C-alpha atoms as a PDB file:
ATOM      1  CA  UNK A   1      92.548  52.019 125.731  1.00  0.00           C
ATOM      2  CA  UNK A   2      91.041  54.949 123.765  1.00  0.00           C
ATOM      3  CA  UNK A   3      91.553  58.533 124.877  1.00  0.00           C
ATOM      4  CA  UNK A   4      88.037  58.883 126.216  1.00  0.00           C
ATOM      5  CA  UNK A   5      88.469  55.794 128.434  1.00  0.00           C
ATOM      6  CA  UNK A   6      85.307  54.095 127.143  1.00  0.00           C
ATOM      7  CA  UNK A   7      86.889  50.893 125.784  1.00  0.00           C
ATOM      8  CA  UNK A   8      85.120  51.087 122.420  1.00  0.00           C
ATOM      9  CA  UNK A   9      81.692  51.793 123.908  1.00  0.00           C
ATOM     10  CA  UNK A  10      81.566  55.387 122.712  1.00  0.00           C
ATOM     11  CA  UNK A  11      79.115  54.670 119.882  1.00  0.00           C
ATOM     12  CA  UNK A  12      76.636  53.047 122.256  1.00  0.00           C
ATOM     13  CA  UNK A  13      76.914  55.891 124.761  1.00  0.00           C
ATOM     14  CA  UNK A  14      76.566  58.530 122.054  1.00  0.00           C
ATOM     15  CA  UNK A  15      73.437  56.790 120.745  1.00  0.00           C
ATOM     16  CA  UNK A  16      71.912  56.714 124.231  1.00  0.00           C
ATOM     17  CA  UNK A  17      72.791  60.380 124.769  1.00  0.00           C
ATOM     18  CA  UNK A  18      71.211  61.351 121.441  1.00  0.00           C
ATOM     19  CA  UNK A  19      67.999  59.462 122.239  1.00  0.00           C
ATOM     20  CA  UNK A  20      67.800  61.084 125.684  1.00  0.00           C
ATOM     21  CA  UNK A  21      68.419  64.498 124.119  1.00  0.00           C
ATOM     22  CA  UNK A  22      65.633  63.956 121.545  1.00  0.00           C
ATOM     23  CA  UNK A  23      63.217  62.964 124.325  1.00  0.00           C
ATOM     24  CA  UNK A  24      64.047  66.124 126.295  1.00  0.00           C
ATOM     25  CA  UNK A  25      63.728  68.345 123.220  1.00  0.00           C
ATOM     26  CA  UNK A  26      60.428  66.787 122.148  1.00  0.00           C
ATOM     27  CA  UNK A  27      58.946  67.382 125.608  1.00  0.00           C
ATOM     28  CA  UNK A  28      60.082  71.020 125.605  1.00  0.00           C
ATOM     29  CA  UNK A  29      59.045  71.766 122.021  1.00  0.00           C
ATOM     30  CA  UNK A  30      55.782  69.838 122.260  1.00  0.00           C
ATOM     31  CA  UNK A  31      56.757  67.490 119.418  1.00  0.00           C
ATOM     32  CA  UNK A  32      55.142  64.327 120.673  1.00  0.00           C
ATOM     33  CA  UNK A  33      55.465  61.424 118.281  1.00  0.00           C
ATOM     34  CA  UNK A  34      51.873  60.588 117.427  1.00  0.00           C
ATOM     35  CA  UNK A  35      52.165  57.580 115.161  1.00  0.00           C
ATOM     36  CA  UNK A  36      52.830  53.860 115.385  1.00  0.00           C
ATOM     37  CA  UNK A  37      54.855  51.632 113.120  1.00  0.00           C
ATOM     38  CA  UNK A  38      52.881  49.715 110.502  1.00  0.00           C
ATOM     39  CA  UNK A  39      54.259  46.179 110.817  1.00  0.00           C
ATOM     40  CA  UNK A  40      51.734  43.624 109.593  1.00  0.00           C
ATOM     41  CA  UNK A  41      52.223  42.420 106.046  1.00  0.00           C
ATOM     42  CA  UNK A  42      48.463  42.010 105.562  1.00  0.00           C
ATOM     43  CA  UNK A  43      47.869  45.696 106.387  1.00  0.00           C
ATOM     44  CA  UNK A  44      50.597  46.769 103.985  1.00  0.00           C
ATOM     45  CA  UNK A  45      49.123  44.593 101.221  1.00  0.00           C
ATOM     46  CA  UNK A  46      45.735  46.180 101.868  1.00  0.00           C
ATOM     47  CA  UNK A  47      47.317  49.617 101.429  1.00  0.00           C
ATOM     48  CA  UNK A  48      48.958  48.570  98.149  1.00  0.00           C
ATOM     49  CA  UNK A  49      45.654  47.218  96.817  1.00  0.00           C
ATOM     50  CA  UNK A  50      43.145  49.837  97.920  1.00  0.00           C
ATOM     51  CA  UNK A  51      45.118  52.814  99.203  1.00  0.00           C
ATOM     52  CA  UNK A  52      45.144  56.267  97.646  1.00  0.00           C
ATOM     53  CA  UNK A  53      48.433  57.515  96.219  1.00  0.00           C
ATOM     54  CA  UNK A  54      50.305  60.790  96.392  1.00  0.00           C
ATOM     55  CA  UNK A  55      53.394  61.473  94.291  1.00  0.00           C
ATOM     56  CA  UNK A  56      56.261  63.929  94.614  1.00  0.00           C
ATOM     57  CA  UNK A  57      59.771  64.283  93.268  1.00  0.00           C
ATOM     58  CA  UNK A  58      61.393  61.737  95.556  1.00  0.00           C
ATOM     59  CA  UNK A  59      58.526  59.937  97.344  1.00  0.00           C
ATOM     60  CA  UNK A  60      55.312  58.047  96.748  1.00  0.00           C
ATOM     61  CA  UNK A  61      52.814  57.803  99.609  1.00  0.00           C
ATOM     62  CA  UNK A  62      50.090  55.175  99.901  1.00  0.00           C
ATOM     63  CA  UNK A  63      47.473  56.097 102.483  1.00  0.00           C
ATOM     64  CA  UNK A  64      44.123  55.058 103.913  1.00  0.00           C
ATOM     65  CA  UNK A  65      42.091  56.689 106.696  1.00  0.00           C
ATOM     66  CA  UNK A  66      42.438  54.918 110.058  1.00  0.00           C
ATOM     67  CA  UNK A  67      41.697  55.340 113.758  1.00  0.00           C
ATOM     68  CA  UNK A  68      45.352  56.151 114.579  1.00  0.00           C
ATOM     69  CA  UNK A  69      48.384  57.210 112.567  1.00  0.00           C
ATOM     70  CA  UNK A  70      50.473  54.272 111.352  1.00  0.00           C
ATOM     71  CA  UNK A  71      53.603  54.651 109.254  1.00  0.00           C
ATOM     72  CA  UNK A  72      56.003  52.391 107.352  1.00  0.00           C
ATOM     73  CA  UNK A  73      58.845  52.920 104.892  1.00  0.00           C
ATOM     74  CA  UNK A  74      59.516  50.387 102.168  1.00  0.00           C
ATOM     75  CA  UNK A  75      62.897  50.620 100.453  1.00  0.00           C
ATOM     76  CA  UNK A  76      63.724  48.071  97.749  1.00  0.00           C
ATOM     77  CA  UNK A  77      67.039  46.524  96.830  1.00  0.00           C
ATOM     78  CA  UNK A  78      67.351  48.851  93.827  1.00  0.00           C
ATOM     79  CA  UNK A  79      68.406  51.549  96.288  1.00  0.00           C
ATOM     80  CA  UNK A  80      71.715  49.858  96.982  1.00  0.00           C
ATOM     81  CA  UNK A  81      73.221  47.962  99.857  1.00  0.00           C
ATOM     82  CA  UNK A  82      71.696  47.818 103.320  1.00  0.00           C
ATOM     83  CA  UNK A  83      73.704  50.805 104.576  1.00  0.00           C
ATOM     84  CA  UNK A  84      72.145  53.099 101.954  1.00  0.00           C
ATOM     85  CA  UNK A  85      68.673  51.595 102.416  1.00  0.00           C
ATOM     86  CA  UNK A  86      68.787  52.078 106.186  1.00  0.00           C
ATOM     87  CA  UNK A  87      69.954  55.680 105.792  1.00  0.00           C
ATOM     88  CA  UNK A  88      67.037  56.400 103.460  1.00  0.00           C
ATOM     89  CA  UNK A  89      64.624  54.864 105.978  1.00  0.00           C
ATOM     90  CA  UNK A  90      66.024  57.007 108.793  1.00  0.00           C
ATOM     91  CA  UNK A  91      65.778  60.191 106.725  1.00  0.00           C
ATOM     92  CA  UNK A  92      62.187  59.504 105.641  1.00  0.00           C
ATOM     93  CA  UNK A  93      61.079  58.527 109.166  1.00  0.00           C
ATOM     94  CA  UNK A  94      62.552  61.727 110.592  1.00  0.00           C
ATOM     95  CA  UNK A  95      60.902  63.866 107.914  1.00  0.00           C
ATOM     96  CA  UNK A  96      57.565  62.218 108.667  1.00  0.00           C
ATOM     97  CA  UNK A  97      58.036  62.530 112.444  1.00  0.00           C
ATOM     98  CA  UNK A  98      58.612  66.267 112.166  1.00  0.00           C
ATOM     99  CA  UNK A  99      55.532  66.775 109.973  1.00  0.00           C
ATOM    100  CA  UNK A 100      53.020  64.352 111.504  1.00  0.00           C
ATOM    101  CA  UNK A 101      51.560  67.133 113.689  1.00  0.00           C
ATOM    102  CA  UNK A 102      50.568  69.060 110.534  1.00  0.00           C
ATOM    103  CA  UNK A 103      48.222  66.293 109.418  1.00  0.00           C
ATOM    104  CA  UNK A 104      44.523  66.940 110.010  1.00  0.00           C
ATOM    105  CA  UNK A 105      43.306  63.351 109.990  1.00  0.00           C
ATOM    106  CA  UNK A 106      44.671  59.957 110.987  1.00  0.00           C
ATOM    107  CA  UNK A 107      45.977  57.590 108.329  1.00  0.00           C
ATOM    108  CA  UNK A 108      47.857  54.401 107.631  1.00  0.00           C
ATOM    109  CA  UNK A 109      50.759  55.454 105.423  1.00  0.00           C
ATOM    110  CA  UNK A 110      53.396  53.539 103.487  1.00  0.00           C
ATOM    111  CA  UNK A 111      56.190  55.629 102.027  1.00  0.00           C
ATOM    112  CA  UNK A 112      58.074  54.465  98.931  1.00  0.00           C
ATOM    113  CA  UNK A 113      61.219  56.479  98.096  1.00  0.00           C
ATOM    114  CA  UNK A 114      62.133  56.725  94.425  1.00  0.00           C
ATOM    115  CA  UNK A 115      65.536  55.577  93.196  1.00  0.00           C
ATOM    116  CA  UNK A 116      67.980  58.506  93.035  1.00  0.00           C
ATOM    117  CA  UNK A 117      71.723  59.087  93.030  1.00  0.00           C
ATOM    118  CA  UNK A 118      71.695  61.227  96.177  1.00  0.00           C
ATOM    119  CA  UNK A 119      69.292  61.581  99.061  1.00  0.00           C
ATOM    120  CA  UNK A 120      69.033  64.443 101.512  1.00  0.00           C
ATOM    121  CA  UNK A 121      66.857  65.165 104.495  1.00  0.00           C
ATOM    122  CA  UNK A 122      65.868  68.547 103.039  1.00  0.00           C
ATOM    123  CA  UNK A 123      64.423  66.884  99.925  1.00  0.00           C
ATOM    124  CA  UNK A 124      62.386  64.340 101.893  1.00  0.00           C
ATOM    125  CA  UNK A 125      61.178  66.978 104.360  1.00  0.00           C
ATOM    126  CA  UNK A 126      60.062  69.305 101.566  1.00  0.00           C
ATOM    127  CA  UNK A 127      58.262  66.468  99.745  1.00  0.00           C
ATOM    128  CA  UNK A 128      56.431  65.259 102.867  1.00  0.00           C
ATOM    129  CA  UNK A 129      55.271  68.814 103.647  1.00  0.00           C
ATOM    130  CA  UNK A 130      54.166  69.308 100.035  1.00  0.00           C
ATOM    131  CA  UNK A 131      52.136  66.077  99.953  1.00  0.00           C
ATOM    132  CA  UNK A 132      50.445  66.818 103.279  1.00  0.00           C
ATOM    133  CA  UNK A 133      49.489  70.261 102.020  1.00  0.00           C
ATOM    134  CA  UNK A 134      48.479  69.194  98.502  1.00  0.00           C
ATOM    135  CA  UNK A 135      46.449  66.104  99.459  1.00  0.00           C
ATOM    136  CA  UNK A 136      45.039  67.793 102.579  1.00  0.00           C
ATOM    137  CA  UNK A 137      46.047  64.871 104.787  1.00  0.00           C
END
């Protein structure tokens, strides 16, 4: 039995604690998540065909005006194995979540990270802020 007495469940408990902590912090700081996940393939194809584009050093955004904010991240197999792809998705989603309140309008957005050797949250955060400011989203 492990030292903490959790029988291998520590990862699950830590994840639950982190989620609860984020909910408490977001209520205190007023950072309400104001977007939904863009899931339908037909909507994503519509964005690829007729959406406007914004480019930065590490990201490409495709966006269209909408009634509510919708967001999706698309990471291709060129980015590596699933562990790296999922990490990139988490970093981009968090950068967008922290900056969604700075947007003036509501949009459907698909984010396409560019292939790089290293990825950091600071880079994605800076690029999302820059594109929101530059494109006046």
